[in-house]
């Protein structure tokens, strides 16, 4: 949380939202548990099964990554 009032309220709210998303737990695609946490920039790890993933800097899956996964699944069906 930013203590400074140097920047505008909108920017401070965006920063707080990004930091909350980064600290949140996400569901592991491998084991299905809510144990995926951020280990470093765009690197995520499941605390339960120790699987490692790449993703967004602040969220586990980005919109672009979700679209790419959907396209790959569609092509695999063919």
C-alpha atoms as a PDB file:
ATOM      1  CA  UNK A   1       0.000   0.000   0.000  1.00  0.00           C
ATOM      2  CA  UNK A   2       1.345   3.357  -0.981  1.00  0.00           C
ATOM      3  CA  UNK A   3       1.755   5.801   1.866  1.00  0.00           C
ATOM      4  CA  UNK A   4       2.703   8.742  -0.311  1.00  0.00           C
ATOM      5  CA  UNK A   5       0.158  11.143  -1.744  1.00  0.00           C
ATOM      6  CA  UNK A   6       2.537  12.063  -4.526  1.00  0.00           C
ATOM      7  CA  UNK A   7       0.449  10.351  -7.206  1.00  0.00           C
ATOM      8  CA  UNK A   8      -3.242  10.520  -8.036  1.00  0.00           C
ATOM      9  CA  UNK A   9      -5.920   8.387  -6.422  1.00  0.00           C
ATOM     10  CA  UNK A  10      -6.587   6.398  -9.612  1.00  0.00           C
ATOM     11  CA  UNK A  11      -2.962   5.305  -9.955  1.00  0.00           C
ATOM     12  CA  UNK A  12      -2.758   4.382  -6.276  1.00  0.00           C
ATOM     13  CA  UNK A  13      -5.916   2.250  -6.620  1.00  0.00           C
ATOM     14  CA  UNK A  14      -4.465   0.475  -9.668  1.00  0.00           C
ATOM     15  CA  UNK A  15      -1.235  -0.280  -7.790  1.00  0.00           C
ATOM     16  CA  UNK A  16      -3.145  -1.662  -4.788  1.00  0.00           C
ATOM     17  CA  UNK A  17      -5.276  -3.865  -7.075  1.00  0.00           C
ATOM     18  CA  UNK A  18      -2.168  -5.203  -8.853  1.00  0.00           C
ATOM     19  CA  UNK A  19      -0.406  -6.004  -5.569  1.00  0.00           C
ATOM     20  CA  UNK A  20      -3.503  -7.794  -4.217  1.00  0.00           C
ATOM     21  CA  UNK A  21      -3.697  -9.892  -7.392  1.00  0.00           C
ATOM     22  CA  UNK A  22      -0.014 -10.761  -7.075  1.00  0.00           C
ATOM     23  CA  UNK A  23      -0.403 -11.940  -3.460  1.00  0.00           C
ATOM     24  CA  UNK A  24      -3.608 -13.913  -4.091  1.00  0.00           C
ATOM     25  CA  UNK A  25      -3.701 -17.704  -4.309  1.00  0.00           C
ATOM     26  CA  UNK A  26      -4.643 -19.295  -7.632  1.00  0.00           C
ATOM     27  CA  UNK A  27      -5.853 -22.778  -8.571  1.00  0.00           C
ATOM     28  CA  UNK A  28      -3.168 -25.202  -9.716  1.00  0.00           C
ATOM     29  CA  UNK A  29      -3.857 -26.671 -13.179  1.00  0.00           C
ATOM     30  CA  UNK A  30      -2.043 -29.870 -12.150  1.00  0.00           C
ATOM     31  CA  UNK A  31      -3.486 -30.795  -8.761  1.00  0.00           C
ATOM     32  CA  UNK A  32      -6.501 -28.455  -8.591  1.00  0.00           C
ATOM     33  CA  UNK A  33      -5.664 -26.965  -5.187  1.00  0.00           C
ATOM     34  CA  UNK A  34      -5.662 -23.246  -4.429  1.00  0.00           C
ATOM     35  CA  UNK A  35      -1.926 -23.186  -3.701  1.00  0.00           C
ATOM     36  CA  UNK A  36      -0.262 -21.369  -6.625  1.00  0.00           C
ATOM     37  CA  UNK A  37       1.798 -18.366  -5.521  1.00  0.00           C
ATOM     38  CA  UNK A  38       4.172 -15.960  -7.222  1.00  0.00           C
ATOM     39  CA  UNK A  39       7.847 -16.882  -6.767  1.00  0.00           C
ATOM     40  CA  UNK A  40       9.458 -14.220  -8.956  1.00  0.00           C
ATOM     41  CA  UNK A  41       8.666 -12.090 -11.981  1.00  0.00           C
ATOM     42  CA  UNK A  42       6.143 -14.075 -14.090  1.00  0.00           C
ATOM     43  CA  UNK A  43       7.123 -17.370 -12.364  1.00  0.00           C
ATOM     44  CA  UNK A  44       4.495 -19.181 -10.307  1.00  0.00           C
ATOM     45  CA  UNK A  45       4.770 -22.316  -8.183  1.00  0.00           C
ATOM     46  CA  UNK A  46       2.253 -24.642  -6.535  1.00  0.00           C
ATOM     47  CA  UNK A  47       3.000 -25.129  -2.845  1.00  0.00           C
ATOM     48  CA  UNK A  48       1.268 -28.514  -2.861  1.00  0.00           C
ATOM     49  CA  UNK A  49       2.636 -30.418  -5.876  1.00  0.00           C
ATOM     50  CA  UNK A  50       5.642 -28.110  -6.509  1.00  0.00           C
ATOM     51  CA  UNK A  51       4.768 -27.655 -10.203  1.00  0.00           C
ATOM     52  CA  UNK A  52       6.232 -24.548 -11.792  1.00  0.00           C
ATOM     53  CA  UNK A  53       4.435 -22.321 -14.291  1.00  0.00           C
ATOM     54  CA  UNK A  54       4.994 -19.144 -16.256  1.00  0.00           C
ATOM     55  CA  UNK A  55       2.332 -16.493 -16.419  1.00  0.00           C
ATOM     56  CA  UNK A  56       1.755 -12.804 -15.981  1.00  0.00           C
ATOM     57  CA  UNK A  57       3.826 -10.518 -13.807  1.00  0.00           C
ATOM     58  CA  UNK A  58       0.953  -9.788 -11.418  1.00  0.00           C
ATOM     59  CA  UNK A  59      -1.716 -12.409 -12.281  1.00  0.00           C
ATOM     60  CA  UNK A  60      -1.408 -16.121 -12.913  1.00  0.00           C
ATOM     61  CA  UNK A  61      -2.945 -16.118 -16.401  1.00  0.00           C
ATOM     62  CA  UNK A  62      -3.150 -13.145 -18.715  1.00  0.00           C
ATOM     63  CA  UNK A  63      -5.881 -12.546 -21.268  1.00  0.00           C
ATOM     64  CA  UNK A  64      -3.445 -13.264 -24.095  1.00  0.00           C
ATOM     65  CA  UNK A  65      -2.345 -16.511 -22.457  1.00  0.00           C
ATOM     66  CA  UNK A  66      -5.946 -17.640 -22.025  1.00  0.00           C
ATOM     67  CA  UNK A  67      -6.644 -16.980 -25.726  1.00  0.00           C
ATOM     68  CA  UNK A  68      -3.508 -18.884 -26.747  1.00  0.00           C
ATOM     69  CA  UNK A  69      -4.463 -21.874 -24.561  1.00  0.00           C
ATOM     70  CA  UNK A  70      -7.959 -21.918 -26.050  1.00  0.00           C
ATOM     71  CA  UNK A  71      -6.544 -21.882 -29.595  1.00  0.00           C
ATOM     72  CA  UNK A  72      -4.110 -24.697 -28.839  1.00  0.00           C
ATOM     73  CA  UNK A  73      -6.925 -26.844 -27.428  1.00  0.00           C
ATOM     74  CA  UNK A  74      -9.043 -26.202 -30.532  1.00  0.00           C
ATOM     75  CA  UNK A  75      -6.193 -27.206 -32.858  1.00  0.00           C
ATOM     76  CA  UNK A  76      -5.548 -30.361 -30.820  1.00  0.00           C
ATOM     77  CA  UNK A  77      -9.162 -31.459 -31.420  1.00  0.00           C
ATOM     78  CA  UNK A  78      -8.614 -31.401 -35.195  1.00  0.00           C
END
